[in-house]
Amino acid sequence: MFRPDPEVARIRHGVGVWRVDDELPPCGSFVGHDGAAPGYDATAFSNVDGTRQYTALTHNSAPEDVVGYDEAQQAFKDLIITAACN
């Protein structure tokens, strides 16, 4: 489930689970998934040893799969870093 498909290894996506290594959050390897529905963005991840987890749901009205304006995107990143790394 956590082993990436060699055909798409550049994004490290297994069976429904993403793996991020020192990206967002920049403090280790995390597995989970994110997604969006009209008006919302959601993300839920756990570090690989299971000692830290975070879930965030945000409301937005941006047409793209983003949290909104630059300030809102930075606030969302800061929230994830605080939740995952501190």
PDB file of N, CA and C in Angstrom:
ATOM      1  N   MET A   1       0.809  -1.193   0.000  1.00  0.00           N
ATOM      2  CA  MET A   1       0.000   0.000   0.000  1.00  0.00           C
ATOM      3  C   MET A   1       0.858   1.266   0.000  1.00  0.00           C
ATOM      4  N   PHE A   2       2.020   1.206   0.658  1.00  0.00           N
ATOM      5  CA  PHE A   2       2.876   2.383   0.720  1.00  0.00           C
ATOM      6  C   PHE A   2       3.963   2.394  -0.337  1.00  0.00           C
ATOM      7  N   ARG A   3       4.106   1.313  -1.085  1.00  0.00           N
ATOM      8  CA  ARG A   3       5.143   1.263  -2.115  1.00  0.00           C
ATOM      9  C   ARG A   3       4.643   1.991  -3.353  1.00  0.00           C
ATOM     10  N   PRO A   4       5.390   2.995  -3.810  1.00  0.00           N
ATOM     11  CA  PRO A   4       4.956   3.739  -5.001  1.00  0.00           C
ATOM     12  C   PRO A   4       4.938   2.883  -6.256  1.00  0.00           C
ATOM     13  N   ASP A   5       4.040   3.199  -7.138  1.00  0.00           N
ATOM     14  CA  ASP A   5       3.992   2.572  -8.450  1.00  0.00           C
ATOM     15  C   ASP A   5       5.204   3.061  -9.231  1.00  0.00           C
ATOM     16  N   PRO A   6       6.040   2.161  -9.754  1.00  0.00           N
ATOM     17  CA  PRO A   6       7.241   2.607 -10.480  1.00  0.00           C
ATOM     18  C   PRO A   6       6.928   3.497 -11.680  1.00  0.00           C
ATOM     19  N   GLU A   7       5.749   3.380 -12.230  1.00  0.00           N
ATOM     20  CA  GLU A   7       5.381   4.206 -13.381  1.00  0.00           C
ATOM     21  C   GLU A   7       5.143   5.656 -12.988  1.00  0.00           C
ATOM     22  N   VAL A   8       4.780   5.893 -11.732  1.00  0.00           N
ATOM     23  CA  VAL A   8       4.521   7.258 -11.271  1.00  0.00           C
ATOM     24  C   VAL A   8       5.329   7.557 -10.012  1.00  0.00           C
ATOM     25  N   ALA A   9       6.522   6.992  -9.898  1.00  0.00           N
ATOM     26  CA  ALA A   9       7.335   7.130  -8.693  1.00  0.00           C
ATOM     27  C   ALA A   9       7.696   8.582  -8.390  1.00  0.00           C
ATOM     28  N   ARG A  10       7.665   9.438  -9.402  1.00  0.00           N
ATOM     29  CA  ARG A  10       8.024  10.842  -9.155  1.00  0.00           C
ATOM     30  C   ARG A  10       7.077  11.499  -8.166  1.00  0.00           C
ATOM     31  N   ILE A  11       5.828  11.009  -8.059  1.00  0.00           N
ATOM     32  CA  ILE A  11       4.900  11.593  -7.098  1.00  0.00           C
ATOM     33  C   ILE A  11       4.711  10.719  -5.859  1.00  0.00           C
ATOM     34  N   ARG A  12       5.396   9.564  -5.802  1.00  0.00           N
ATOM     35  CA  ARG A  12       5.364   8.672  -4.643  1.00  0.00           C
ATOM     36  C   ARG A  12       3.938   8.374  -4.182  1.00  0.00           C
ATOM     37  N   HIS A  13       3.128   7.871  -5.077  1.00  0.00           N
ATOM     38  CA  HIS A  13       1.728   7.576  -4.794  1.00  0.00           C
ATOM     39  C   HIS A  13       1.536   6.074  -4.820  1.00  0.00           C
ATOM     40  N   GLY A  14       1.116   5.487  -3.709  1.00  0.00           N
ATOM     41  CA  GLY A  14       0.817   4.067  -3.651  1.00  0.00           C
ATOM     42  C   GLY A  14      -0.656   3.850  -3.955  1.00  0.00           C
ATOM     43  N   VAL A  15      -1.277   2.931  -3.243  1.00  0.00           N
ATOM     44  CA  VAL A  15      -2.684   2.638  -3.454  1.00  0.00           C
ATOM     45  C   VAL A  15      -3.509   3.576  -2.567  1.00  0.00           C
ATOM     46  N   GLY A  16      -3.824   4.745  -3.084  1.00  0.00           N
ATOM     47  CA  GLY A  16      -4.634   5.697  -2.347  1.00  0.00           C
ATOM     48  C   GLY A  16      -3.899   6.477  -1.277  1.00  0.00           C
ATOM     49  N   VAL A  17      -2.587   6.295  -1.161  1.00  0.00           N
ATOM     50  CA  VAL A  17      -1.811   6.967  -0.121  1.00  0.00           C
ATOM     51  C   VAL A  17      -0.632   7.685  -0.768  1.00  0.00           C
ATOM     52  N   TRP A  18      -0.481   8.954  -0.434  1.00  0.00           N
ATOM     53  CA  TRP A  18       0.675   9.726  -0.887  1.00  0.00           C
ATOM     54  C   TRP A  18       1.775   9.605   0.155  1.00  0.00           C
ATOM     55  N   ARG A  19       3.005   9.677  -0.286  1.00  0.00           N
ATOM     56  CA  ARG A  19       4.136   9.775   0.632  1.00  0.00           C
ATOM     57  C   ARG A  19       4.877  11.054   0.297  1.00  0.00           C
ATOM     58  N   VAL A  20       5.119  11.872   1.312  1.00  0.00           N
ATOM     59  CA  VAL A  20       5.896  13.090   1.134  1.00  0.00           C
ATOM     60  C   VAL A  20       7.108  13.006   2.046  1.00  0.00           C
ATOM     61  N   ASP A  21       8.255  13.337   1.516  1.00  0.00           N
ATOM     62  CA  ASP A  21       9.510  13.279   2.259  1.00  0.00           C
ATOM     63  C   ASP A  21      10.100  14.677   2.358  1.00  0.00           C
ATOM     64  N   ASP A  22      10.048  15.262   3.546  1.00  0.00           N
ATOM     65  CA  ASP A  22      10.650  16.574   3.819  1.00  0.00           C
ATOM     66  C   ASP A  22      10.163  17.667   2.884  1.00  0.00           C
ATOM     67  N   GLU A  23       8.913  17.591   2.464  1.00  0.00           N
ATOM     68  CA  GLU A  23       8.324  18.645   1.626  1.00  0.00           C
ATOM     69  C   GLU A  23       7.385  19.446   2.521  1.00  0.00           C
ATOM     70  N   LEU A  24       6.105  19.296   2.372  1.00  0.00           N
ATOM     71  CA  LEU A  24       5.151  19.917   3.297  1.00  0.00           C
ATOM     72  C   LEU A  24       4.409  18.790   3.987  1.00  0.00           C
ATOM     73  N   PRO A  25       4.754  18.523   5.219  1.00  0.00           N
ATOM     74  CA  PRO A  25       5.611  19.272   6.121  1.00  0.00           C
ATOM     75  C   PRO A  25       7.090  18.934   5.909  1.00  0.00           C
ATOM     76  N   PRO A  26       7.972  19.881   6.252  1.00  0.00           N
ATOM     77  CA  PRO A  26       9.399  19.700   6.007  1.00  0.00           C
ATOM     78  C   PRO A  26      10.137  19.034   7.162  1.00  0.00           C
ATOM     79  N   CYS A  27       9.527  18.049   7.789  1.00  0.00           N
ATOM     80  CA  CYS A  27      10.151  17.460   8.983  1.00  0.00           C
ATOM     81  C   CYS A  27      10.062  15.943   8.989  1.00  0.00           C
ATOM     82  N   GLY A  28      10.274  15.318   7.860  1.00  0.00           N
ATOM     83  CA  GLY A  28      10.273  13.866   7.818  1.00  0.00           C
ATOM     84  C   GLY A  28       9.356  13.315   6.749  1.00  0.00           C
ATOM     85  N   SER A  29       9.129  12.014   6.825  1.00  0.00           N
ATOM     86  CA  SER A  29       8.284  11.327   5.855  1.00  0.00           C
ATOM     87  C   SER A  29       6.880  11.155   6.420  1.00  0.00           C
ATOM     88  N   PHE A  30       5.891  11.535   5.622  1.00  0.00           N
ATOM     89  CA  PHE A  30       4.491  11.424   6.011  1.00  0.00           C
ATOM     90  C   PHE A  30       3.730  10.691   4.919  1.00  0.00           C
ATOM     91  N   VAL A  31       2.693   9.956   5.319  1.00  0.00           N
ATOM     92  CA  VAL A  31       1.817   9.278   4.372  1.00  0.00           C
ATOM     93  C   VAL A  31       0.389   9.706   4.660  1.00  0.00           C
ATOM     94  N   GLY A  32      -0.400   9.808   3.617  1.00  0.00           N
ATOM     95  CA  GLY A  32      -1.791  10.208   3.771  1.00  0.00           C
ATOM     96  C   GLY A  32      -2.381  10.586   2.437  1.00  0.00           C
ATOM     97  N   HIS A  33      -3.324  11.499   2.478  1.00  0.00           N
ATOM     98  CA  HIS A  33      -3.976  11.914   1.237  1.00  0.00           C
ATOM     99  C   HIS A  33      -4.584  13.292   1.438  1.00  0.00           C
ATOM    100  N   ASP A  34      -4.708  14.008   0.347  1.00  0.00           N
ATOM    101  CA  ASP A  34      -5.420  15.280   0.388  1.00  0.00           C
ATOM    102  C   ASP A  34      -6.437  15.286  -0.733  1.00  0.00           C
ATOM    103  N   GLY A  35      -7.277  16.269  -0.717  1.00  0.00           N
ATOM    104  CA  GLY A  35      -8.293  16.342  -1.753  1.00  0.00           C
ATOM    105  C   GLY A  35      -9.111  17.599  -1.606  1.00  0.00           C
ATOM    106  N   ALA A  36     -10.021  17.759  -2.523  1.00  0.00           N
ATOM    107  CA  ALA A  36     -10.848  18.959  -2.517  1.00  0.00           C
ATOM    108  C   ALA A  36     -12.226  18.628  -3.060  1.00  0.00           C
ATOM    109  N   ALA A  37     -13.178  19.368  -2.571  1.00  0.00           N
ATOM    110  CA  ALA A  37     -14.534  19.380  -3.093  1.00  0.00           C
ATOM    111  C   ALA A  37     -14.864  20.850  -3.266  1.00  0.00           C
ATOM    112  N   PRO A  38     -15.824  21.181  -4.091  1.00  0.00           N
ATOM    113  CA  PRO A  38     -16.116  22.611  -4.292  1.00  0.00           C
ATOM    114  C   PRO A  38     -16.290  23.348  -2.959  1.00  0.00           C
ATOM    115  N   GLY A  39     -15.411  24.317  -2.741  1.00  0.00           N
ATOM    116  CA  GLY A  39     -15.473  25.118  -1.532  1.00  0.00           C
ATOM    117  C   GLY A  39     -14.627  24.623  -0.375  1.00  0.00           C
ATOM    118  N   TYR A  40     -13.994  23.463  -0.497  1.00  0.00           N
ATOM    119  CA  TYR A  40     -13.236  22.896   0.612  1.00  0.00           C
ATOM    120  C   TYR A  40     -11.942  22.266   0.118  1.00  0.00           C
ATOM    121  N   ASP A  41     -10.937  22.293   0.978  1.00  0.00           N
ATOM    122  CA  ASP A  41      -9.706  21.529   0.797  1.00  0.00           C
ATOM    123  C   ASP A  41      -9.493  20.729   2.074  1.00  0.00           C
ATOM    124  N   ALA A  42      -9.034  19.499   1.938  1.00  0.00           N
ATOM    125  CA  ALA A  42      -8.801  18.644   3.094  1.00  0.00           C
ATOM    126  C   ALA A  42      -7.454  17.953   2.949  1.00  0.00           C
ATOM    127  N   THR A  43      -6.813  17.696   4.067  1.00  0.00           N
ATOM    128  CA  THR A  43      -5.557  16.952   4.066  1.00  0.00           C
ATOM    129  C   THR A  43      -5.461  16.169   5.371  1.00  0.00           C
ATOM    130  N   ALA A  44      -4.992  14.937   5.288  1.00  0.00           N
ATOM    131  CA  ALA A  44      -4.813  14.092   6.471  1.00  0.00           C
ATOM    132  C   ALA A  44      -3.572  13.238   6.255  1.00  0.00           C
ATOM    133  N   PHE A  45      -2.613  13.362   7.146  1.00  0.00           N
ATOM    134  CA  PHE A  45      -1.353  12.639   7.023  1.00  0.00           C
ATOM    135  C   PHE A  45      -0.869  12.159   8.382  1.00  0.00           C
ATOM    136  N   SER A  46      -0.004  11.152   8.363  1.00  0.00           N
ATOM    137  CA  SER A  46       0.653  10.627   9.552  1.00  0.00           C
ATOM    138  C   SER A  46       2.122  10.420   9.209  1.00  0.00           C
ATOM    139  N   ASN A  47       3.007  10.654  10.193  1.00  0.00           N
ATOM    140  CA  ASN A  47       4.392  10.314   9.897  1.00  0.00           C
ATOM    141  C   ASN A  47       4.488   8.793   9.830  1.00  0.00           C
ATOM    142  N   VAL A  48       5.550   8.295   9.204  1.00  0.00           N
ATOM    143  CA  VAL A  48       5.598   6.864   8.899  1.00  0.00           C
ATOM    144  C   VAL A  48       5.690   5.980  10.139  1.00  0.00           C
ATOM    145  N   ASP A  49       6.168   6.516  11.263  1.00  0.00           N
ATOM    146  CA  ASP A  49       6.194   5.671  12.460  1.00  0.00           C
ATOM    147  C   ASP A  49       4.922   5.820  13.305  1.00  0.00           C
ATOM    148  N   GLY A  50       3.976   6.642  12.845  1.00  0.00           N
ATOM    149  CA  GLY A  50       2.671   6.743  13.484  1.00  0.00           C
ATOM    150  C   GLY A  50       2.619   7.579  14.747  1.00  0.00           C
ATOM    151  N   THR A  51       3.667   8.350  15.036  1.00  0.00           N
ATOM    152  CA  THR A  51       3.680   9.130  16.272  1.00  0.00           C
ATOM    153  C   THR A  51       3.080  10.519  16.122  1.00  0.00           C
ATOM    154  N   ARG A  52       2.907  11.004  14.893  1.00  0.00           N
ATOM    155  CA  ARG A  52       2.314  12.331  14.670  1.00  0.00           C
ATOM    156  C   ARG A  52       1.322  12.246  13.524  1.00  0.00           C
ATOM    157  N   GLN A  53       0.145  12.803  13.734  1.00  0.00           N
ATOM    158  CA  GLN A  53      -0.878  12.861  12.696  1.00  0.00           C
ATOM    159  C   GLN A  53      -1.463  14.259  12.665  1.00  0.00           C
ATOM    160  N   TYR A  54      -1.958  14.634  11.500  1.00  0.00           N
ATOM    161  CA  TYR A  54      -2.700  15.888  11.414  1.00  0.00           C
ATOM    162  C   TYR A  54      -3.762  15.768  10.338  1.00  0.00           C
ATOM    163  N   THR A  55      -4.837  16.488  10.554  1.00  0.00           N
ATOM    164  CA  THR A  55      -5.925  16.601   9.590  1.00  0.00           C
ATOM    165  C   THR A  55      -6.345  18.052   9.560  1.00  0.00           C
ATOM    166  N   ALA A  56      -6.541  18.587   8.378  1.00  0.00           N
ATOM    167  CA  ALA A  56      -6.990  19.976   8.254  1.00  0.00           C
ATOM    168  C   ALA A  56      -8.046  20.049   7.159  1.00  0.00           C
ATOM    169  N   LEU A  57      -9.113  20.774   7.446  1.00  0.00           N
ATOM    170  CA  LEU A  57     -10.181  21.035   6.482  1.00  0.00           C
ATOM    171  C   LEU A  57     -10.336  22.541   6.407  1.00  0.00           C
ATOM    172  N   THR A  58     -10.251  23.075   5.216  1.00  0.00           N
ATOM    173  CA  THR A  58     -10.374  24.522   5.054  1.00  0.00           C
ATOM    174  C   THR A  58     -11.496  24.841   4.084  1.00  0.00           C
ATOM    175  N   HIS A  59     -12.122  25.949   4.318  1.00  0.00           N
ATOM    176  CA  HIS A  59     -13.161  26.445   3.424  1.00  0.00           C
ATOM    177  C   HIS A  59     -12.532  27.457   2.488  1.00  0.00           C
ATOM    178  N   ASN A  60     -12.863  27.391   1.226  1.00  0.00           N
ATOM    179  CA  ASN A  60     -12.342  28.373   0.277  1.00  0.00           C
ATOM    180  C   ASN A  60     -13.343  28.564  -0.841  1.00  0.00           C
ATOM    181  N   SER A  61     -13.147  29.613  -1.565  1.00  0.00           N
ATOM    182  CA  SER A  61     -14.006  29.856  -2.721  1.00  0.00           C
ATOM    183  C   SER A  61     -13.175  30.017  -3.988  1.00  0.00           C
ATOM    184  N   ALA A  62     -11.931  29.523  -3.941  1.00  0.00           N
ATOM    185  CA  ALA A  62     -11.050  29.613  -5.108  1.00  0.00           C
ATOM    186  C   ALA A  62     -11.435  28.546  -6.123  1.00  0.00           C
ATOM    187  N   PRO A  63     -11.388  28.855  -7.399  1.00  0.00           N
ATOM    188  CA  PRO A  63     -11.774  27.869  -8.408  1.00  0.00           C
ATOM    189  C   PRO A  63     -10.745  26.761  -8.592  1.00  0.00           C
ATOM    190  N   GLU A  64      -9.492  26.991  -8.224  1.00  0.00           N
ATOM    191  CA  GLU A  64      -8.470  25.965  -8.354  1.00  0.00           C
ATOM    192  C   GLU A  64      -8.399  25.157  -7.063  1.00  0.00           C
ATOM    193  N   ASP A  65      -7.598  24.105  -7.079  1.00  0.00           N
ATOM    194  CA  ASP A  65      -7.407  23.254  -5.903  1.00  0.00           C
ATOM    195  C   ASP A  65      -6.359  23.895  -4.995  1.00  0.00           C
ATOM    196  N   VAL A  66      -6.677  25.085  -4.486  1.00  0.00           N
ATOM    197  CA  VAL A  66      -5.795  25.809  -3.573  1.00  0.00           C
ATOM    198  C   VAL A  66      -6.628  26.369  -2.436  1.00  0.00           C
ATOM    199  N   VAL A  67      -5.950  26.824  -1.409  1.00  0.00           N
ATOM    200  CA  VAL A  67      -6.640  27.307  -0.228  1.00  0.00           C
ATOM    201  C   VAL A  67      -7.106  28.750  -0.375  1.00  0.00           C
ATOM    202  N   GLY A  68      -6.855  29.400  -1.468  1.00  0.00           N
ATOM    203  CA  GLY A  68      -7.306  30.777  -1.650  1.00  0.00           C
ATOM    204  C   GLY A  68      -6.161  31.690  -2.026  1.00  0.00           C
ATOM    205  N   TYR A  69      -6.197  32.880  -1.515  1.00  0.00           N
ATOM    206  CA  TYR A  69      -5.189  33.867  -1.835  1.00  0.00           C
ATOM    207  C   TYR A  69      -3.844  33.517  -1.206  1.00  0.00           C
ATOM    208  N   ASP A  70      -2.796  34.243  -1.608  1.00  0.00           N
ATOM    209  CA  ASP A  70      -1.442  33.968  -1.124  1.00  0.00           C
ATOM    210  C   ASP A  70      -1.364  33.941   0.401  1.00  0.00           C
ATOM    211  N   GLU A  71      -2.019  34.890   1.054  1.00  0.00           N
ATOM    212  CA  GLU A  71      -1.978  34.949   2.516  1.00  0.00           C
ATOM    213  C   GLU A  71      -2.622  33.706   3.129  1.00  0.00           C
ATOM    214  N   ALA A  72      -3.736  33.280   2.554  1.00  0.00           N
ATOM    215  CA  ALA A  72      -4.415  32.086   3.058  1.00  0.00           C
ATOM    216  C   ALA A  72      -3.590  30.839   2.805  1.00  0.00           C
ATOM    217  N   GLN A  73      -2.945  30.758   1.646  1.00  0.00           N
ATOM    218  CA  GLN A  73      -2.088  29.615   1.358  1.00  0.00           C
ATOM    219  C   GLN A  73      -0.928  29.541   2.344  1.00  0.00           C
ATOM    220  N   GLN A  74      -0.323  30.695   2.670  1.00  0.00           N
ATOM    221  CA  GLN A  74       0.782  30.706   3.635  1.00  0.00           C
ATOM    222  C   GLN A  74       0.290  30.319   5.021  1.00  0.00           C
ATOM    223  N   ALA A  75      -0.871  30.790   5.421  1.00  0.00           N
ATOM    224  CA  ALA A  75      -1.431  30.433   6.722  1.00  0.00           C
ATOM    225  C   ALA A  75      -1.695  28.930   6.800  1.00  0.00           C
ATOM    226  N   PHE A  76      -2.189  28.334   5.704  1.00  0.00           N
ATOM    227  CA  PHE A  76      -2.434  26.895   5.659  1.00  0.00           C
ATOM    228  C   PHE A  76      -1.117  26.130   5.794  1.00  0.00           C
ATOM    229  N   LYS A  77      -0.079  26.552   5.079  1.00  0.00           N
ATOM    230  CA  LYS A  77       1.234  25.909   5.187  1.00  0.00           C
ATOM    231  C   LYS A  77       1.769  26.016   6.609  1.00  0.00           C
ATOM    232  N   ASP A  78       1.645  27.198   7.217  1.00  0.00           N
ATOM    233  CA  ASP A  78       2.115  27.380   8.590  1.00  0.00           C
ATOM    234  C   ASP A  78       1.363  26.467   9.550  1.00  0.00           C
ATOM    235  N   LEU A  79       0.057  26.304   9.340  1.00  0.00           N
ATOM    236  CA  LEU A  79      -0.744  25.409  10.163  1.00  0.00           C
ATOM    237  C   LEU A  79      -0.244  23.978  10.057  1.00  0.00           C
ATOM    238  N   ILE A  80       0.001  23.502   8.850  1.00  0.00           N
ATOM    239  CA  ILE A  80       0.476  22.140   8.633  1.00  0.00           C
ATOM    240  C   ILE A  80       1.845  21.929   9.288  1.00  0.00           C
ATOM    241  N   ILE A  81       2.746  22.887   9.108  1.00  0.00           N
ATOM    242  CA  ILE A  81       4.085  22.769   9.691  1.00  0.00           C
ATOM    243  C   ILE A  81       4.003  22.731  11.218  1.00  0.00           C
ATOM    244  N   THR A  82       3.175  23.582  11.794  1.00  0.00           N
ATOM    245  CA  THR A  82       3.017  23.595  13.247  1.00  0.00           C
ATOM    246  C   THR A  82       2.421  22.285  13.745  1.00  0.00           C
ATOM    247  N   ALA A  83       1.387  21.815  13.086  1.00  0.00           N
ATOM    248  CA  ALA A  83       0.724  20.581  13.508  1.00  0.00           C
ATOM    249  C   ALA A  83       1.640  19.364  13.365  1.00  0.00           C
ATOM    250  N   ALA A  84       2.402  19.300  12.301  1.00  0.00           N
ATOM    251  CA  ALA A  84       3.205  18.114  12.018  1.00  0.00           C
ATOM    252  C   ALA A  84       4.580  18.132  12.672  1.00  0.00           C
ATOM    253  N   CYS A  85       5.167  19.298  12.808  1.00  0.00           N
ATOM    254  CA  CYS A  85       6.582  19.371  13.177  1.00  0.00           C
ATOM    255  C   CYS A  85       6.847  19.831  14.615  1.00  0.00           C
ATOM    256  N   ASN A  86       5.910  20.487  15.240  1.00  0.00           N
ATOM    257  CA  ASN A  86       6.161  21.019  16.592  1.00  0.00           C
ATOM    258  C   ASN A  86       5.611  20.130  17.663  1.00  0.00           C
TER     259      ASN A  86
END
